[in-house]
């Protein structure tokens, strides 16, 4: 019973976090006038925060002091909520996910 509940919770969290786009999305809007002329404009939506605007050493400090129990570095870099909760529930992927995060933070790939 407990395993079924845990599995369904993890699947729900994964589905919730997978619904967010982690890449710039091109949106098109079209407007029609009475003379049957259709115009469309395309704009590129910028990401919420770029890695360059975040301080690398603040992320490392958050990883070291609050990363394992609270995923503070992931919240700081604005990662999707579902993945952050999964990080906490799985104890940082049994430590592997946390080490990968540290390497990515130090190499500016996070």
N, C-alpha and C. Protein backbone atom coordinates (compact mmCIF):
# COMPACT_ATOMS: atom_id res chain seq x y z
N UNK A 1 0.83 -1.19 0.00
CA UNK A 1 0.00 0.00 0.00
C UNK A 1 0.87 1.25 0.00
N UNK A 2 1.91 1.25 0.82
CA UNK A 2 2.77 2.43 0.89
C UNK A 2 3.56 2.62 -0.40
N UNK A 3 3.97 1.52 -1.02
CA UNK A 3 4.75 1.65 -2.25
C UNK A 3 3.87 2.17 -3.38
N UNK A 4 2.61 1.75 -3.42
CA UNK A 4 1.70 2.25 -4.44
C UNK A 4 1.47 3.75 -4.27
N UNK A 5 1.31 4.19 -3.04
CA UNK A 5 1.11 5.60 -2.77
C UNK A 5 2.35 6.42 -3.13
N UNK A 6 3.51 5.92 -2.77
CA UNK A 6 4.75 6.62 -3.08
C UNK A 6 4.98 6.66 -4.59
N UNK A 7 4.73 5.55 -5.27
CA UNK A 7 4.90 5.51 -6.72
C UNK A 7 3.95 6.47 -7.42
N UNK A 8 2.70 6.51 -7.00
CA UNK A 8 1.74 7.42 -7.63
C UNK A 8 2.10 8.88 -7.33
N UNK A 9 2.65 9.17 -6.16
CA UNK A 9 3.10 10.52 -5.85
C UNK A 9 4.26 10.92 -6.74
N UNK A 10 5.22 10.04 -6.93
CA UNK A 10 6.37 10.34 -7.78
C UNK A 10 5.95 10.53 -9.24
N UNK A 11 5.03 9.72 -9.71
CA UNK A 11 4.55 9.87 -11.09
C UNK A 11 3.82 11.20 -11.25
N UNK A 12 3.02 11.57 -10.27
CA UNK A 12 2.32 12.84 -10.32
C UNK A 12 3.29 14.01 -10.33
N UNK A 13 4.31 13.96 -9.49
CA UNK A 13 5.31 15.02 -9.46
C UNK A 13 6.07 15.10 -10.78
N UNK A 14 6.40 13.96 -11.35
CA UNK A 14 7.10 13.96 -12.63
C UNK A 14 6.23 14.56 -13.73
N UNK A 15 4.96 14.19 -13.76
CA UNK A 15 4.08 14.71 -14.79
C UNK A 15 3.87 16.21 -14.62
N UNK A 16 3.80 16.67 -13.38
CA UNK A 16 3.62 18.10 -13.11
C UNK A 16 4.85 18.88 -13.57
N UNK A 17 6.03 18.39 -13.26
CA UNK A 17 7.24 19.12 -13.63
C UNK A 17 7.56 18.99 -15.11
N UNK A 18 7.13 17.93 -15.76
CA UNK A 18 7.39 17.76 -17.18
C UNK A 18 6.53 18.68 -18.03
N UNK A 19 5.50 19.28 -17.44
CA UNK A 19 4.63 20.15 -18.21
C UNK A 19 5.24 21.52 -18.43
N UNK A 20 6.31 21.87 -17.75
CA UNK A 20 6.97 23.15 -17.94
C UNK A 20 7.99 23.05 -19.07
N UNK A 21 8.06 24.06 -19.90
CA UNK A 21 9.06 24.09 -20.97
C UNK A 21 10.34 24.69 -20.41
N UNK A 22 11.45 24.04 -20.64
CA UNK A 22 12.72 24.54 -20.13
C UNK A 22 13.55 25.14 -21.25
N UNK A 23 12.90 25.61 -22.29
CA UNK A 23 13.59 26.21 -23.42
C UNK A 23 12.76 27.40 -23.90
N UNK A 24 13.37 28.34 -24.61
CA UNK A 24 12.59 29.49 -25.10
C UNK A 24 11.50 29.03 -26.07
N UNK A 25 10.32 29.55 -25.89
CA UNK A 25 9.18 29.17 -26.70
C UNK A 25 8.80 30.34 -27.60
N UNK A 26 8.66 30.06 -28.89
CA UNK A 26 8.22 31.09 -29.82
C UNK A 26 6.70 31.11 -29.81
N UNK A 27 6.16 32.28 -29.56
CA UNK A 27 4.71 32.42 -29.54
C UNK A 27 4.28 33.28 -30.71
N UNK A 28 3.23 32.88 -31.34
CA UNK A 28 2.71 33.65 -32.46
C UNK A 28 1.31 34.12 -32.11
N UNK A 29 1.04 35.34 -32.48
CA UNK A 29 -0.30 35.88 -32.31
C UNK A 29 -0.76 36.37 -33.67
N UNK A 30 -2.00 36.21 -33.95
CA UNK A 30 -2.52 36.66 -35.23
C UNK A 30 -3.74 37.53 -34.98
N UNK A 31 -3.86 38.53 -35.81
CA UNK A 31 -5.01 39.43 -35.70
C UNK A 31 -5.64 39.54 -37.08
N UNK A 32 -6.93 39.49 -37.15
CA UNK A 32 -7.65 39.63 -38.42
C UNK A 32 -8.41 40.94 -38.41
N UNK A 33 -8.41 41.54 -39.55
CA UNK A 33 -9.19 42.77 -39.72
C UNK A 33 -10.41 42.46 -40.56
N UNK A 34 -11.23 43.45 -40.78
CA UNK A 34 -12.45 43.25 -41.56
C UNK A 34 -12.17 43.01 -43.04
N UNK A 35 -10.98 43.34 -43.52
CA UNK A 35 -10.67 43.19 -44.94
C UNK A 35 -9.97 41.87 -45.23
N UNK A 36 -10.06 40.91 -44.36
CA UNK A 36 -9.51 39.58 -44.51
C UNK A 36 -7.99 39.57 -44.63
N UNK A 37 -7.32 40.48 -43.99
CA UNK A 37 -5.86 40.52 -43.98
C UNK A 37 -5.41 39.98 -42.63
N UNK A 38 -4.56 38.99 -42.67
CA UNK A 38 -4.08 38.39 -41.44
C UNK A 38 -2.61 38.75 -41.25
N UNK A 39 -2.29 39.25 -40.09
CA UNK A 39 -0.90 39.55 -39.77
C UNK A 39 -0.48 38.70 -38.60
N UNK A 40 0.75 38.34 -38.57
CA UNK A 40 1.25 37.55 -37.45
C UNK A 40 2.59 38.11 -37.02
N UNK A 41 2.80 38.09 -35.75
CA UNK A 41 4.07 38.54 -35.19
C UNK A 41 4.66 37.40 -34.39
N UNK A 42 5.96 37.34 -34.39
CA UNK A 42 6.66 36.30 -33.64
C UNK A 42 7.58 36.98 -32.64
N UNK A 43 7.53 36.52 -31.42
CA UNK A 43 8.43 37.03 -30.41
C UNK A 43 9.03 35.86 -29.65
N UNK A 44 10.23 36.04 -29.20
CA UNK A 44 10.91 35.00 -28.45
C UNK A 44 10.83 35.36 -26.98
N UNK A 45 10.34 34.42 -26.18
CA UNK A 45 10.24 34.64 -24.75
C UNK A 45 11.57 34.28 -24.12
N UNK A 46 12.15 35.21 -23.41
CA UNK A 46 13.43 34.98 -22.76
C UNK A 46 13.24 34.13 -21.50
N UNK A 47 14.25 33.35 -21.11
CA UNK A 47 14.15 32.59 -19.87
C UNK A 47 14.01 33.53 -18.66
N UNK A 48 13.45 33.01 -17.58
CA UNK A 48 13.25 33.84 -16.39
C UNK A 48 14.55 34.37 -15.82
N UNK A 49 15.53 33.53 -15.71
CA UNK A 49 16.81 33.95 -15.17
C UNK A 49 17.91 33.22 -15.91
N UNK A 50 18.97 33.89 -16.18
CA UNK A 50 20.09 33.25 -16.83
C UNK A 50 21.12 32.88 -15.78
N UNK A 51 21.94 31.91 -16.12
CA UNK A 51 22.95 31.45 -15.17
C UNK A 51 23.97 32.55 -14.92
N UNK A 52 24.22 33.40 -15.93
CA UNK A 52 25.21 34.46 -15.78
C UNK A 52 24.77 35.48 -14.73
N UNK A 53 23.45 35.66 -14.56
CA UNK A 53 22.99 36.63 -13.58
C UNK A 53 23.02 36.07 -12.16
N UNK A 54 23.18 34.78 -12.03
CA UNK A 54 23.25 34.16 -10.71
C UNK A 54 24.72 34.02 -10.30
N UNK A 55 25.01 34.24 -9.04
CA UNK A 55 26.38 34.11 -8.57
C UNK A 55 26.70 32.64 -8.32
N UNK A 56 27.80 32.18 -8.89
CA UNK A 56 28.17 30.78 -8.79
C UNK A 56 28.49 30.40 -7.34
N UNK A 57 29.16 31.27 -6.62
CA UNK A 57 29.59 30.91 -5.26
C UNK A 57 28.44 30.94 -4.27
N UNK A 58 27.41 31.72 -4.55
CA UNK A 58 26.21 31.66 -3.71
C UNK A 58 25.54 30.30 -3.90
N UNK A 59 25.50 29.83 -5.15
CA UNK A 59 24.93 28.51 -5.42
C UNK A 59 25.71 27.40 -4.75
N UNK A 60 27.06 27.52 -4.74
CA UNK A 60 27.89 26.50 -4.08
C UNK A 60 27.65 26.52 -2.57
N UNK A 61 27.55 27.71 -1.99
CA UNK A 61 27.30 27.81 -0.55
C UNK A 61 25.94 27.23 -0.19
N UNK A 62 24.94 27.52 -1.01
CA UNK A 62 23.61 26.96 -0.76
C UNK A 62 23.63 25.44 -0.91
N UNK A 63 24.38 24.95 -1.89
CA UNK A 63 24.50 23.49 -2.07
C UNK A 63 25.15 22.87 -0.85
N UNK A 64 26.20 23.49 -0.34
CA UNK A 64 26.95 22.92 0.78
C UNK A 64 26.14 22.93 2.07
N UNK A 65 25.49 24.07 2.38
CA UNK A 65 24.81 24.19 3.67
C UNK A 65 23.37 23.69 3.65
N UNK A 66 22.63 23.93 2.58
CA UNK A 66 21.21 23.59 2.56
C UNK A 66 20.80 22.72 1.38
N UNK A 67 21.76 22.24 0.61
CA UNK A 67 21.44 21.50 -0.60
C UNK A 67 20.86 20.13 -0.36
N UNK A 68 21.43 19.38 0.55
CA UNK A 68 20.96 18.01 0.74
C UNK A 68 19.55 17.95 1.30
N UNK A 69 19.25 18.67 2.38
CA UNK A 69 17.88 18.49 2.91
C UNK A 69 16.82 19.36 2.23
N UNK A 70 17.19 20.53 1.68
CA UNK A 70 16.17 21.46 1.20
C UNK A 70 16.28 21.83 -0.27
N UNK A 71 17.30 21.39 -0.98
CA UNK A 71 17.53 21.71 -2.40
C UNK A 71 17.57 23.22 -2.62
N UNK A 72 18.21 23.93 -1.73
CA UNK A 72 18.22 25.40 -1.78
C UNK A 72 18.89 25.92 -3.04
N UNK A 73 19.93 25.25 -3.49
CA UNK A 73 20.61 25.71 -4.70
C UNK A 73 19.70 25.59 -5.92
N UNK A 74 18.85 24.57 -5.94
CA UNK A 74 17.94 24.39 -7.07
C UNK A 74 16.84 25.46 -7.05
N UNK A 75 16.35 25.85 -5.88
CA UNK A 75 15.38 26.93 -5.78
C UNK A 75 16.03 28.25 -6.20
N UNK A 76 17.30 28.45 -5.83
CA UNK A 76 18.02 29.68 -6.16
C UNK A 76 18.17 29.85 -7.67
N UNK A 77 18.45 28.76 -8.38
CA UNK A 77 18.61 28.80 -9.83
C UNK A 77 17.28 28.66 -10.57
N UNK A 78 16.16 28.66 -9.84
CA UNK A 78 14.80 28.62 -10.41
C UNK A 78 14.55 27.40 -11.28
N UNK A 79 14.92 26.24 -10.77
CA UNK A 79 14.62 24.98 -11.46
C UNK A 79 13.14 24.65 -11.23
N UNK A 80 12.54 23.78 -12.05
CA UNK A 80 11.11 23.47 -11.90
C UNK A 80 10.79 22.88 -10.53
N UNK A 81 9.62 23.26 -10.02
CA UNK A 81 9.21 22.89 -8.66
C UNK A 81 9.15 21.38 -8.47
N UNK A 82 8.60 20.68 -9.44
CA UNK A 82 8.46 19.22 -9.31
C UNK A 82 9.80 18.52 -9.18
N UNK A 83 10.79 18.97 -9.95
CA UNK A 83 12.12 18.36 -9.86
C UNK A 83 12.76 18.68 -8.52
N UNK A 84 12.51 19.87 -7.98
CA UNK A 84 13.07 20.21 -6.67
C UNK A 84 12.47 19.33 -5.58
N UNK A 85 11.18 19.10 -5.65
CA UNK A 85 10.53 18.24 -4.66
C UNK A 85 11.02 16.80 -4.81
N UNK A 86 11.19 16.35 -6.04
CA UNK A 86 11.73 15.01 -6.27
C UNK A 86 13.15 14.90 -5.72
N UNK A 87 13.94 15.95 -5.85
CA UNK A 87 15.29 16.00 -5.30
C UNK A 87 15.25 15.81 -3.78
N UNK A 88 14.31 16.46 -3.13
CA UNK A 88 14.20 16.37 -1.67
C UNK A 88 13.71 14.97 -1.26
N UNK A 89 12.69 14.46 -1.96
CA UNK A 89 12.08 13.17 -1.58
C UNK A 89 13.07 12.02 -1.76
N UNK A 90 13.90 12.08 -2.80
CA UNK A 90 14.83 10.98 -3.07
C UNK A 90 16.18 11.17 -2.37
N UNK A 91 16.23 12.11 -1.43
CA UNK A 91 17.48 12.39 -0.70
C UNK A 91 18.61 12.69 -1.69
N UNK A 92 18.32 13.67 -2.56
CA UNK A 92 19.26 14.14 -3.58
C UNK A 92 19.69 13.01 -4.51
N UNK A 93 18.75 12.17 -4.85
CA UNK A 93 19.07 11.05 -5.74
C UNK A 93 20.11 10.14 -5.12
N UNK A 94 19.96 9.91 -3.80
CA UNK A 94 20.90 9.12 -3.00
C UNK A 94 22.33 9.70 -3.09
N UNK A 95 22.41 11.01 -3.24
CA UNK A 95 23.70 11.70 -3.25
C UNK A 95 24.30 11.90 -4.62
N UNK A 96 23.89 11.10 -5.58
CA UNK A 96 24.46 11.19 -6.93
C UNK A 96 24.01 12.48 -7.61
N UNK A 97 22.72 12.77 -7.51
CA UNK A 97 22.17 13.96 -8.13
C UNK A 97 22.80 15.22 -7.55
N UNK A 98 23.08 15.21 -6.25
CA UNK A 98 23.69 16.37 -5.59
C UNK A 98 25.11 16.60 -6.10
N UNK A 99 25.86 15.54 -6.30
CA UNK A 99 27.24 15.68 -6.79
C UNK A 99 27.22 16.17 -8.24
N UNK A 100 26.29 15.68 -9.03
CA UNK A 100 26.16 16.15 -10.41
C UNK A 100 25.80 17.64 -10.42
N UNK A 101 24.91 18.05 -9.52
CA UNK A 101 24.55 19.47 -9.42
C UNK A 101 25.77 20.32 -9.06
N UNK A 102 26.58 19.85 -8.12
CA UNK A 102 27.77 20.61 -7.72
C UNK A 102 28.73 20.77 -8.90
N UNK A 103 28.96 19.70 -9.64
CA UNK A 103 29.86 19.77 -10.79
C UNK A 103 29.30 20.74 -11.83
N UNK A 104 28.00 20.68 -12.07
CA UNK A 104 27.39 21.59 -13.04
C UNK A 104 27.45 23.04 -12.58
N UNK A 105 27.30 23.28 -11.29
CA UNK A 105 27.40 24.66 -10.78
C UNK A 105 28.83 25.18 -10.95
N UNK A 106 29.81 24.35 -10.62
CA UNK A 106 31.20 24.79 -10.70
C UNK A 106 31.66 25.00 -12.14
N UNK A 107 31.09 24.28 -13.09
CA UNK A 107 31.48 24.43 -14.50
C UNK A 107 30.55 25.38 -15.25
N UNK A 108 29.67 26.07 -14.56
CA UNK A 108 28.71 27.02 -15.14
C UNK A 108 27.78 26.39 -16.17
N UNK A 109 27.42 25.14 -15.97
CA UNK A 109 26.46 24.46 -16.85
C UNK A 109 25.11 24.25 -16.18
N UNK A 110 24.89 24.81 -15.02
CA UNK A 110 23.68 24.52 -14.27
C UNK A 110 22.55 25.40 -14.77
